[in-house]
Amino acid sequence: MSINLRINQLVAIKAGGNKSQFAKQIGWVPQYMTRVTKEDGPTGLAVVEQILTAFKDVNPRWLIFGEGEPLVLRSDLLSEINSLISILNNQIVTINQLSDEEAKILKIKVGQALVLFK
């Protein structure tokens, strides 16, 4: 299945098949939506980024490669977040043993990483 057909499938999932409504949710004009959903329509990185930005639960691997399910289940996300929290909690002891300079560098890196999760 082409990426264009997967986008059409997303239209069905996210907007009940209404291409105009889907386009509005992403910030596209309906005419652009019509072009994107054609079999040979434009499907570059910008199209993928806009869809993934608008719909946080769309599975990027499915959208790009057709692998897996169209949507990432909320429970999967929560499980992943809990796993990351556990890993971070295990690092607290190490962080407490850092020098002041090392702690400053770590705070900067953590801040940068958190931006990615927003």
Foldseek 3Di string as FASTA:
>chain_A
DDLLVVVQVVCCVPPVSDQCVVCVLLVHHSVLSVQSNPPPRDDDPVNLVSVCVSDVQADSCCSHPVPDDGGHDPVNVVVVVVVVVVVVVVCPVVLVPDDPVVNVVVVVVVVVVVVVVD
